Every structure is written in structure tokens, then in C-alpha cells.
N, C-alpha and C. Protein backbone atom coordinates (compact mmCIF):
# COMPACT_ATOMS: atom_id res chain seq x y z
N MET A 1 -150.20 151.81 -38.30
CA MET A 1 -149.42 151.92 -36.50
C MET A 1 -147.98 151.99 -35.97
N MET A 2 -148.23 152.91 -34.64
CA MET A 2 -146.33 152.69 -33.88
C MET A 2 -146.85 152.22 -33.14
N ALA A 3 -145.29 152.04 -33.00
CA ALA A 3 -145.53 151.03 -31.93
C ALA A 3 -144.58 152.51 -30.63
N THR A 4 -145.52 151.92 -29.48
CA THR A 4 -144.64 153.33 -28.08
C THR A 4 -144.06 152.63 -27.51
N PRO A 5 -142.84 153.19 -26.76
CA PRO A 5 -141.92 152.74 -26.01
C PRO A 5 -142.75 152.14 -25.57
N SER A 6 -143.58 151.26 -24.53
CA SER A 6 -144.47 150.32 -23.64
C SER A 6 -144.31 148.87 -24.22
N GLY A 7 -145.09 149.95 -25.82
CA GLY A 7 -145.18 148.35 -26.26
C GLY A 7 -146.66 148.39 -27.09
N SER A 8 -147.44 149.05 -26.42
CA SER A 8 -148.69 148.85 -27.04
C SER A 8 -148.42 149.44 -28.14
N ASP A 9 -149.57 148.65 -29.73
CA ASP A 9 -149.69 149.64 -30.70
C ASP A 9 -150.86 150.70 -30.15
N ALA A 10 -150.50 152.29 -30.63
CA ALA A 10 -151.17 153.09 -30.60
C ALA A 10 -151.47 154.03 -31.68
N GLU A 11 -151.94 154.89 -32.46
CA GLU A 11 -152.69 155.82 -32.95
C GLU A 11 -152.16 156.88 -32.74
N VAL A 12 -150.84 157.94 -33.61
CA VAL A 12 -150.41 158.89 -33.45
C VAL A 12 -150.85 159.51 -34.33
N ILE A 13 -152.28 161.26 -33.95
CA ILE A 13 -152.18 161.69 -35.36
C ILE A 13 -151.04 163.63 -34.96
N LEU A 14 -150.32 163.72 -35.81
CA LEU A 14 -149.65 164.74 -35.55
C LEU A 14 -150.74 165.80 -35.45
N LEU A 15 -150.60 166.85 -34.94
CA LEU A 15 -151.35 168.05 -34.78
C LEU A 15 -150.58 169.13 -35.87
N ARG A 16 -151.92 169.80 -37.47
CA ARG A 16 -151.22 170.40 -37.82
C ARG A 16 -151.69 171.92 -37.87
N SER A 17 -150.70 172.93 -38.55
CA SER A 17 -151.42 174.11 -38.43
C SER A 17 -152.47 173.90 -39.38
N ASP A 18 -152.03 173.76 -40.71
CA ASP A 18 -152.60 173.75 -42.10
C ASP A 18 -152.97 172.21 -42.82
N PRO A 19 -154.54 172.16 -43.26
CA PRO A 19 -154.87 170.65 -43.18
C PRO A 19 -153.52 169.96 -43.93
N GLY A 20 -152.99 170.51 -44.49
CA GLY A 20 -152.30 170.06 -46.54
C GLY A 20 -153.21 169.56 -46.93
N PRO A 21 -152.39 169.07 -48.25
CA PRO A 21 -153.14 168.17 -48.68
C PRO A 21 -154.15 167.23 -48.21
N GLY A 22 -155.05 167.27 -49.20
CA GLY A 22 -156.78 165.89 -48.90
C GLY A 22 -157.57 166.28 -47.75
N PRO A 23 -158.69 165.84 -47.21
CA PRO A 23 -159.11 165.84 -46.04
C PRO A 23 -158.49 165.68 -45.06
N GLY A 24 -159.17 167.00 -44.43
CA GLY A 24 -158.41 167.34 -42.94
C GLY A 24 -158.23 166.39 -42.11
N VAL A 25 -157.60 166.57 -40.41
CA VAL A 25 -157.12 165.28 -40.23
C VAL A 25 -157.92 165.84 -39.03
N ALA A 26 -159.20 165.15 -38.00
CA ALA A 26 -159.19 165.94 -37.05
C ALA A 26 -158.20 166.31 -36.22
N SER A 27 -158.56 167.26 -34.50
CA SER A 27 -156.95 167.29 -34.07
C SER A 27 -157.99 166.66 -32.59
N VAL A 28 -158.31 165.32 -32.63
CA VAL A 28 -158.64 163.74 -31.46
C VAL A 28 -157.73 163.19 -31.26
N GLN A 29 -157.53 163.42 -29.67
CA GLN A 29 -156.42 162.38 -29.49
C GLN A 29 -156.85 161.62 -28.39
N GLY A 30 -157.18 160.40 -28.57
CA GLY A 30 -158.15 159.70 -26.92
C GLY A 30 -159.77 160.70 -26.95
N ALA A 31 -160.41 160.82 -26.23
CA ALA A 31 -161.46 161.39 -25.17
C ALA A 31 -161.08 162.91 -25.72
N LEU A 32 -160.20 164.05 -25.71
CA LEU A 32 -159.79 165.01 -25.62
C LEU A 32 -160.06 165.27 -26.90
N ALA A 33 -161.10 166.62 -27.25
CA ALA A 33 -161.42 167.66 -28.46
C ALA A 33 -160.15 168.59 -28.46
N LEU A 34 -159.16 168.53 -29.08
CA LEU A 34 -158.86 170.24 -29.22
C LEU A 34 -158.87 171.53 -30.49
N ASP A 35 -159.59 172.24 -30.06
CA ASP A 35 -159.50 173.08 -31.26
C ASP A 35 -158.84 174.25 -31.46
N LEU A 36 -158.45 174.06 -32.03
CA LEU A 36 -157.25 174.86 -32.61
C LEU A 36 -157.23 176.07 -33.75
N THR A 37 -158.11 176.43 -33.91
CA THR A 37 -158.97 177.16 -34.40
C THR A 37 -158.10 178.45 -33.70
N GLN A 38 -158.35 180.54 -34.72
CA GLN A 38 -158.03 180.92 -33.94
C GLN A 38 -159.72 181.68 -33.35
N ARG A 39 -159.24 182.28 -32.53
CA ARG A 39 -160.67 183.41 -32.58
C ARG A 39 -160.49 185.03 -32.18
N THR A 40 -161.51 184.53 -33.24
CA THR A 40 -161.61 186.66 -33.28
C THR A 40 -162.46 186.92 -32.92
N ALA A 41 -163.00 186.81 -32.49
CA ALA A 41 -164.81 187.22 -31.66
C ALA A 41 -164.18 187.96 -29.97
N PRO A 42 -164.15 188.70 -29.39
CA PRO A 42 -163.45 189.02 -28.52
C PRO A 42 -164.16 188.17 -27.32
N PRO A 43 -163.32 188.11 -26.53
CA PRO A 43 -165.21 187.10 -25.62
C PRO A 43 -165.45 187.57 -24.65
N ARG A 44 -166.81 186.66 -24.60
CA ARG A 44 -168.32 187.40 -23.66
C ARG A 44 -167.53 188.21 -22.21
N PRO A 45 -168.27 188.65 -21.82
CA PRO A 45 -168.15 189.06 -20.14
C PRO A 45 -168.63 187.87 -19.35
N ARG A 46 -168.57 188.36 -18.13
CA ARG A 46 -168.76 187.40 -16.79
C ARG A 46 -170.11 187.60 -16.80
N PRO A 47 -170.54 186.76 -16.43
CA PRO A 47 -171.92 187.56 -15.47
C PRO A 47 -171.53 187.59 -14.31
N ARG A 48 -172.53 189.13 -13.56
CA ARG A 48 -172.03 189.49 -12.35
C ARG A 48 -172.87 189.02 -11.67
N LEU A 49 -172.10 188.47 -10.12
CA LEU A 49 -173.13 187.72 -8.97
C LEU A 49 -173.73 188.64 -8.38
N ALA A 50 -175.44 187.60 -8.58
CA ALA A 50 -176.25 188.48 -8.23
C ALA A 50 -177.00 187.67 -6.67
N ARG A 51 -177.50 188.53 -6.03
CA ARG A 51 -177.25 188.27 -4.65
C ARG A 51 -179.17 188.34 -4.53
N SER A 52 -179.56 187.58 -4.68
CA SER A 52 -181.00 187.20 -4.88
C SER A 52 -181.11 186.85 -3.81
N THR A 53 -180.35 187.41 -2.37
CA THR A 53 -180.81 187.37 -1.14
C THR A 53 -180.68 188.66 -0.68
N ASP A 54 -180.82 190.00 -1.18
CA ASP A 54 -180.43 190.86 -0.60
C ASP A 54 -181.86 191.21 -0.32
N LEU A 55 -181.95 191.59 0.46
CA LEU A 55 -183.69 192.03 0.56
C LEU A 55 -183.87 194.22 0.77
N VAL A 56 -183.08 194.52 0.74
CA VAL A 56 -182.99 195.93 -0.69
C VAL A 56 -181.71 196.15 -1.43
N ALA A 57 -182.23 197.12 -2.40
CA ALA A 57 -181.18 197.82 -3.19
C ALA A 57 -180.58 198.91 -2.55
N ALA A 58 -178.78 198.30 -3.65
CA ALA A 58 -178.15 198.99 -2.83
C ALA A 58 -176.77 198.94 -4.29
N PRO A 59 -176.45 200.39 -4.31
CA PRO A 59 -175.67 201.04 -5.72
C PRO A 59 -174.22 199.65 -5.07
N GLU A 60 -174.09 199.20 -5.97
CA GLU A 60 -173.29 198.25 -6.67
C GLU A 60 -172.03 198.49 -6.19
N ALA A 61 -171.17 200.10 -6.13
CA ALA A 61 -169.85 199.91 -5.64
C ALA A 61 -169.77 199.62 -4.21
N ALA A 62 -170.32 200.48 -3.36
CA ALA A 62 -171.41 200.53 -2.22
C ALA A 62 -171.52 199.42 -1.33
N ARG A 63 -172.12 198.57 -2.13
CA ARG A 63 -172.08 196.76 -2.48
C ARG A 63 -170.94 195.76 -1.89
N GLU A 64 -169.69 196.37 -2.79
CA GLU A 64 -168.19 196.17 -2.64
C GLU A 64 -168.08 195.69 -1.64
N GLN A 65 -167.54 197.17 -0.95
CA GLN A 65 -167.61 197.74 -0.22
C GLN A 65 -168.15 197.54 1.51
N VAL A 66 -168.82 196.91 1.42
CA VAL A 66 -169.49 196.02 3.05
C VAL A 66 -168.96 194.77 2.49
N ASP A 67 -168.93 194.15 0.86
CA ASP A 67 -168.40 192.98 1.37
C ASP A 67 -166.88 192.33 0.94
N ALA A 68 -166.24 193.69 1.16
CA ALA A 68 -165.23 193.43 1.82
C ALA A 68 -164.79 193.74 3.57
N VAL A 69 -165.28 194.79 4.08
CA VAL A 69 -165.68 194.72 4.88
C VAL A 69 -165.89 193.96 5.87
N VAL A 70 -167.10 193.04 5.36
CA VAL A 70 -167.00 191.73 6.14
C VAL A 70 -166.40 190.96 6.36
N ALA A 71 -166.00 190.05 4.64
CA ALA A 71 -164.25 189.41 4.68
C ALA A 71 -164.09 189.84 5.70
N ARG A 72 -163.13 190.70 5.63
CA ARG A 72 -162.15 191.07 6.28
C ARG A 72 -161.88 191.03 7.65
N TYR A 73 -162.95 191.56 8.51
CA TYR A 73 -164.11 191.27 9.69
C TYR A 73 -163.53 189.71 10.32
N LEU A 74 -164.86 188.98 9.05
CA LEU A 74 -164.63 187.47 9.23
C LEU A 74 -163.07 186.22 9.16
N ALA A 75 -162.33 186.81 8.76
CA ALA A 75 -160.42 186.86 8.14
C ALA A 75 -160.15 186.77 9.67
N ALA A 76 -160.00 187.89 10.22
CA ALA A 76 -159.65 188.87 11.51
C ALA A 76 -160.55 187.62 12.66
N ALA A 77 -161.42 188.35 12.93
CA ALA A 77 -162.22 187.18 13.83
C ALA A 77 -162.04 185.36 13.85
N VAL A 78 -161.78 185.20 12.77
CA VAL A 78 -161.44 183.67 12.82
C VAL A 78 -159.99 183.39 13.66
N GLU A 79 -158.84 184.07 13.29
CA GLU A 79 -157.72 184.33 13.28
C GLU A 79 -157.81 184.63 15.26
N ILE A 80 -158.15 185.60 14.97
CA ILE A 80 -158.15 185.49 16.63
C ILE A 80 -159.01 184.14 17.49
N ALA A 81 -159.84 184.12 16.89
CA ALA A 81 -160.72 182.46 17.92
C ALA A 81 -159.81 181.64 17.76
N ALA A 82 -159.06 181.53 16.67
CA ALA A 82 -157.72 180.49 16.58
C ALA A 82 -156.19 180.35 17.31
N GLY A 83 -156.42 181.68 17.96
CA GLY A 83 -154.82 182.37 19.06
C GLY A 83 -154.01 183.15 17.66
N ASP A 84 -154.29 183.12 17.06
CA ASP A 84 -153.04 183.65 15.68
C ASP A 84 -153.30 184.99 15.89
N ARG A 85 -153.84 185.83 16.20
CA ARG A 85 -154.18 187.72 16.57
C ARG A 85 -154.71 188.16 17.44
N PRO A 86 -154.17 189.30 17.81
CA PRO A 86 -154.54 189.81 19.07
C PRO A 86 -155.81 190.14 19.26
N VAL A 87 -156.93 190.14 20.07
CA VAL A 87 -158.45 190.59 19.84
C VAL A 87 -158.64 191.53 19.56
N SER A 88 -157.45 192.36 20.62
CA SER A 88 -157.39 194.16 19.82
C SER A 88 -157.88 194.52 18.93
N GLN A 89 -157.55 194.07 17.58
CA GLN A 89 -157.63 194.22 16.42
C GLN A 89 -158.64 194.61 15.86
N LEU A 90 -159.66 194.04 16.33
CA LEU A 90 -160.95 194.27 16.11
C LEU A 90 -162.18 194.95 17.39
N LEU A 91 -161.15 196.12 18.28
CA LEU A 91 -161.53 196.88 18.80
C LEU A 91 -162.86 197.10 18.52
N ARG A 92 -162.72 198.66 17.03
CA ARG A 92 -162.82 199.57 16.12
C ARG A 92 -164.63 198.72 15.78
N HIS A 93 -164.44 197.43 15.91
CA HIS A 93 -165.52 197.53 14.67
C HIS A 93 -166.66 196.21 15.07
N THR A 94 -166.14 196.68 17.18
CA THR A 94 -166.98 195.30 17.04
C THR A 94 -167.86 195.68 18.83
N VAL A 95 -169.60 195.06 18.83
CA VAL A 95 -169.79 195.93 19.80
C VAL A 95 -168.82 195.20 21.16
N PRO A 96 -169.12 195.95 22.58
CA PRO A 96 -168.53 195.42 23.79
C PRO A 96 -168.77 194.46 23.91
N GLU A 97 -170.30 193.46 23.75
CA GLU A 97 -170.55 191.97 24.28
C GLU A 97 -169.70 191.24 22.55
N VAL A 98 -169.78 191.54 21.75
CA VAL A 98 -169.14 190.30 20.62
C VAL A 98 -167.77 190.73 21.00
N TYR A 99 -167.36 191.83 21.68
CA TYR A 99 -166.03 191.42 21.77
C TYR A 99 -165.26 191.15 23.20
N ASP A 100 -166.46 191.28 24.25
CA ASP A 100 -166.10 190.26 25.20
C ASP A 100 -165.86 188.74 25.21
N ASP A 101 -166.64 188.36 23.88
CA ASP A 101 -166.63 186.26 23.67
C ASP A 101 -166.01 186.10 22.88
N LEU A 102 -165.45 186.61 21.87
CA LEU A 102 -164.39 186.97 21.02
C LEU A 102 -162.77 186.60 21.93
N ALA A 103 -162.81 187.60 22.78
CA ALA A 103 -161.64 187.74 23.84
C ALA A 103 -161.72 186.65 25.32
N ARG A 104 -162.78 185.85 25.03
CA ARG A 104 -162.94 185.13 26.37
C ARG A 104 -162.99 183.43 25.20
N ARG A 105 -163.82 183.59 24.17
CA ARG A 105 -163.08 182.03 22.68
C ARG A 105 -161.65 182.61 22.81
N ALA A 106 -161.02 183.90 22.18
CA ALA A 106 -159.58 183.33 22.53
C ALA A 106 -159.17 182.80 23.37
N ARG A 107 -159.35 182.85 24.47
CA ARG A 107 -157.87 183.03 26.09
C ARG A 107 -158.32 181.47 26.15
N THR A 108 -159.75 181.18 25.78
CA THR A 108 -160.12 179.72 26.00
C THR A 108 -159.26 178.04 24.88
N VAL A 109 -159.25 178.81 23.78
CA VAL A 109 -158.44 178.48 23.06
C VAL A 109 -157.09 178.37 23.40
N GLY A 110 -155.82 178.92 23.84
CA GLY A 110 -154.60 179.83 24.13
C GLY A 110 -154.51 179.28 25.39
N ALA A 111 -155.22 179.20 26.08
CA ALA A 111 -155.41 177.86 27.78
C ALA A 111 -155.36 176.83 26.91
N ALA A 112 -155.95 176.55 27.01
CA ALA A 112 -156.30 174.87 25.66
C ALA A 112 -154.63 174.72 25.21
N ALA A 113 -154.68 175.25 24.24
CA ALA A 113 -153.13 175.26 23.59
C ALA A 113 -151.90 176.10 24.02
N GLY A 114 -152.06 175.84 25.69
CA GLY A 114 -150.87 176.69 25.93
C GLY A 114 -149.88 177.79 25.72
N SER A 115 -150.82 178.64 24.67
CA SER A 115 -149.87 180.12 24.63
C SER A 115 -150.93 180.83 25.05
N ALA A 116 -150.30 181.73 24.39
CA ALA A 116 -151.21 183.29 24.72
C ALA A 116 -151.91 183.56 23.62
N PRO A 117 -152.70 184.48 23.19
CA PRO A 117 -153.79 184.62 22.53
C PRO A 117 -152.35 185.66 21.35
N GLY A 118 -152.91 185.33 20.46
CA GLY A 118 -151.49 186.48 19.33
C GLY A 118 -150.17 186.13 18.83
N ARG A 119 -149.32 185.19 20.04
CA ARG A 119 -148.49 184.40 19.98
C ARG A 119 -148.14 183.30 19.20
N LEU A 120 -146.35 183.19 18.34
CA LEU A 120 -146.74 181.81 18.64
C LEU A 120 -146.88 180.71 18.53
N ARG A 121 -147.77 179.81 17.45
CA ARG A 121 -148.11 178.23 18.34
C ARG A 121 -146.94 177.11 17.84
N GLY A 122 -147.06 175.74 18.52
CA GLY A 122 -145.82 175.25 17.89
C GLY A 122 -145.86 174.72 16.42
N PRO A 123 -145.07 174.06 16.18
CA PRO A 123 -144.89 173.79 15.28
C PRO A 123 -146.03 173.03 14.07
N ASN A 124 -146.27 173.76 13.10
CA ASN A 124 -147.22 173.22 11.98
C ASN A 124 -148.33 172.48 12.25
N PRO A 125 -148.94 174.08 12.60
CA PRO A 125 -150.64 174.10 13.94
C PRO A 125 -151.48 174.34 12.29
N ALA A 126 -152.52 174.15 12.70
CA ALA A 126 -153.57 174.09 11.33
C ALA A 126 -154.30 175.18 11.88
N ARG A 127 -153.93 176.12 10.50
CA ARG A 127 -154.09 177.42 10.16
C ARG A 127 -156.02 177.47 10.10
N PRO A 128 -156.31 178.14 10.59
CA PRO A 128 -158.04 178.42 9.77
C PRO A 128 -158.59 178.95 8.59
N VAL A 129 -158.31 178.42 7.60
CA VAL A 129 -159.03 179.22 6.69
C VAL A 129 -160.12 179.72 6.25
N VAL A 130 -160.21 181.41 5.37
CA VAL A 130 -162.17 181.45 5.16
C VAL A 130 -162.02 181.03 3.61
N VAL A 131 -162.81 180.12 3.74
CA VAL A 131 -163.13 179.86 2.35
C VAL A 131 -164.03 180.10 1.76
N GLY A 132 -164.80 181.31 2.07
CA GLY A 132 -166.09 181.48 0.91
C GLY A 132 -166.80 182.61 1.71
N VAL A 133 -166.89 182.92 1.72
CA VAL A 133 -168.15 184.74 2.47
C VAL A 133 -168.91 185.11 1.70
N ARG A 134 -170.26 185.11 2.16
CA ARG A 134 -171.83 185.41 1.45
C ARG A 134 -172.59 186.50 2.69
N THR A 135 -172.03 186.81 2.02
CA THR A 135 -173.38 188.23 2.87
C THR A 135 -175.14 188.51 1.90
N ALA A 136 -175.69 189.36 2.94
CA ALA A 136 -177.53 189.49 2.42
C ALA A 136 -177.75 191.03 3.47
N LEU A 137 -177.91 191.99 2.29
CA LEU A 137 -178.19 192.85 2.46
C LEU A 137 -179.88 193.61 3.36
N VAL A 138 -179.91 193.17 4.71
CA VAL A 138 -181.33 192.87 5.17
C VAL A 138 -181.98 194.25 5.44
N ARG A 139 -180.96 195.34 5.71
CA ARG A 139 -181.28 196.63 5.87
C ARG A 139 -180.29 197.54 5.19
N SER A 140 -181.10 198.74 4.43
CA SER A 140 -179.89 199.27 3.67
C SER A 140 -178.75 199.40 5.20
N ASP A 141 -179.51 199.79 6.90
CA ASP A 141 -178.01 199.70 7.84
C ASP A 141 -177.77 198.50 8.19
N ALA A 142 -178.14 197.37 7.64
CA ALA A 142 -177.65 195.80 8.61
C ALA A 142 -176.73 194.82 7.33
N VAL A 143 -176.05 193.96 7.54
CA VAL A 143 -176.14 192.98 7.38
C VAL A 143 -175.78 191.80 7.42
N GLU A 144 -176.57 190.47 7.25
CA GLU A 144 -175.96 189.38 7.87
C GLU A 144 -175.05 188.20 7.05
N ALA A 145 -174.13 187.96 7.13
CA ALA A 145 -172.65 187.29 6.93
C ALA A 145 -172.66 185.57 7.14
N SER A 146 -172.47 184.80 6.19
CA SER A 146 -172.16 183.62 6.63
C SER A 146 -170.48 183.87 6.22
N ALA A 147 -169.24 182.28 6.84
CA ALA A 147 -168.31 181.76 6.49
C ALA A 147 -168.24 180.55 6.88
N HIS A 148 -167.69 180.11 5.22
CA HIS A 148 -167.34 178.43 5.37
C HIS A 148 -165.79 178.77 5.69
N VAL A 149 -165.41 178.12 6.82
CA VAL A 149 -163.86 177.92 7.28
C VAL A 149 -163.49 177.20 7.33
N ARG A 150 -162.30 176.66 7.02
CA ARG A 150 -161.10 175.10 6.61
C ARG A 150 -160.29 175.49 8.21
N TYR A 151 -159.91 174.14 8.68
CA TYR A 151 -159.28 173.89 10.00
C TYR A 151 -158.51 172.62 9.34
N GLY A 152 -157.61 172.70 8.76
CA GLY A 152 -156.64 171.38 8.39
C GLY A 152 -158.17 170.20 7.10
N ARG A 153 -158.53 169.38 7.95
CA ARG A 153 -159.16 169.35 7.13
C ARG A 153 -160.60 168.97 8.11
N ARG A 154 -161.13 169.52 8.70
CA ARG A 154 -162.37 170.00 8.87
C ARG A 154 -163.07 171.79 8.29
N SER A 155 -163.72 171.32 8.73
CA SER A 155 -164.87 172.60 7.94
C SER A 155 -165.41 173.51 9.20
N ARG A 156 -165.83 174.30 8.97
CA ARG A 156 -166.72 174.93 10.77
C ARG A 156 -167.61 176.09 9.72
N ALA A 157 -168.37 176.55 10.79
CA ALA A 157 -168.91 177.56 10.48
C ALA A 157 -169.54 178.54 10.76
N VAL A 158 -169.67 180.05 10.64
CA VAL A 158 -168.86 181.44 11.12
C VAL A 158 -170.49 182.17 10.64
N ALA A 159 -171.52 182.04 11.41
CA ALA A 159 -172.38 183.62 10.79
C ALA A 159 -172.18 184.91 12.31
N ALA A 160 -172.63 186.31 11.38
CA ALA A 160 -172.56 187.02 11.92
C ALA A 160 -173.48 188.05 11.70
N ARG A 161 -173.91 189.42 11.81
CA ARG A 161 -174.63 190.38 11.61
C ARG A 161 -174.07 191.98 11.76
N PHE A 162 -173.59 192.31 11.23
CA PHE A 162 -173.29 193.58 11.41
C PHE A 162 -174.75 194.95 11.21
N GLU A 163 -174.25 196.28 11.49
CA GLU A 163 -174.75 197.64 12.16
C GLU A 163 -173.94 198.41 11.98
N ILE A 164 -174.80 199.53 11.60
CA ILE A 164 -174.06 201.00 11.50
C ILE A 164 -173.97 201.36 12.61
N VAL A 165 -173.64 201.02 13.50
CA VAL A 165 -173.28 201.56 14.42
C VAL A 165 -172.52 202.78 15.23
N ARG A 166 -172.39 203.99 15.07
CA ARG A 166 -171.90 205.09 15.19
C ARG A 166 -171.19 205.81 14.56
N ASP A 167 -171.85 206.02 13.23
CA ASP A 167 -171.20 205.88 11.60
C ASP A 167 -170.07 204.99 11.12
N ARG A 168 -170.27 203.49 11.42
CA ARG A 168 -169.36 203.07 11.07
C ARG A 168 -169.92 201.39 11.26
N TRP A 169 -169.14 200.57 9.90
CA TRP A 169 -169.74 198.88 10.41
C TRP A 169 -169.30 198.19 11.63
N GLN A 170 -170.30 197.44 12.20
CA GLN A 170 -170.01 196.77 13.76
C GLN A 170 -170.90 195.19 13.45
N CYS A 171 -169.88 194.83 13.81
CA CYS A 171 -170.23 192.87 14.07
C CYS A 171 -171.30 193.35 15.24
N VAL A 172 -172.78 192.85 15.53
CA VAL A 172 -173.19 192.78 16.68
C VAL A 172 -173.69 191.60 17.54
N ALA A 173 -173.55 190.42 16.23
CA ALA A 173 -174.24 188.97 16.96
C ALA A 173 -172.72 188.74 15.75
N LEU A 174 -171.51 188.04 16.31
CA LEU A 174 -171.39 186.65 16.40
C LEU A 174 -171.30 185.30 16.65
N ALA A 175 -171.81 183.93 15.82
CA ALA A 175 -171.79 182.80 16.62
C ALA A 175 -171.41 182.28 15.32
N TRP A 176 -170.32 180.46 15.73
CA TRP A 176 -170.02 180.18 15.81
C TRP A 176 -170.60 178.68 15.97
N GLY A 177 -170.56 177.73 14.55
CA GLY A 177 -170.57 176.87 13.78
C GLY A 177 -170.22 175.48 13.72
């Protein structure tokens, strides 16, 4: 036993690459077991994300592209609703009813905070952060999505539906929870 600086007795096990003479000493310290052997096999591939909620099949590349569009749109919509971004940035990707509702929401938040939408707010505002987005392809031309949004220590949910309108994915419904 060796005395540690704190005064308590603890057993110290030196880690060596070769076990040396005699029986090998286990590379265990406390409850954490360390595996110091070299790995020669290549790493196993990670399992692909299964979308069990899709009602129709789509090519993987196209599906990933739709997911990226939906995630970017929801992140922008959350920032608009919080008053951090101008609503005009989503004009091309939103049907008029949803656009008007989003603009009204941004004006209401701006009026409550005493600032204009898209302008810098006071010091250290709680900025919204999209933590995760889940999508489900319900038709070949329709996607439903939900997002987990964190505002400081609080969380909210946003749900949306996207459809192909005039050869472009557009948000046709947006609900805040």
C-alpha cells in the first residue's frame, strides 16, 4: 500500500503495455475497467436510422434532402417567432395563411419585448434552440414534422406539415405547443 497525499491508503496499479514477468496485472482502477489491447478489426458500421413512421417508401437520398429542408425551415420559423429573424425569409416556402400567422406571432412577440421583429434584443436574451426534429413521409408529396425547441430551461414543441405546392416544398400548417 502507498500513502496518497490526502493521507488515505489506496492501492496504485501501474499500467504497462507488456505484462512483464509473472502473472499479468489487471488494468482495473476502482470501478473503471480499461481495455488497453490494440484493436485490429475495423469498426462495425453504425445502424442506419430507421424511419418506422413513414407511410410510403422514398429513396434515401431524396428523403435526407427533405429532412434537411424541414429542419432548416423549422429552425428559421422558431427564430422568427422569437423575434430574432425577419419573417420575409420564409415567404417562398410558406403558404399565405401560415405566413400571415407567423408574421402576426412575430409582431406580438416584438411588441411584448418592446422591439421590432428581426432586430437585436436586450442583453442575454434566451434564444430558441431546435434540439431535435422528427419527420414522417405520409404521402409522396407530404411530410409531417415535429420539433423539440428549448428556450433556456424551458421546452416547447412545434408541429408542421409540408406539401409540394408549385414544384416546391412549402409549409401548409404550423402549430405551436
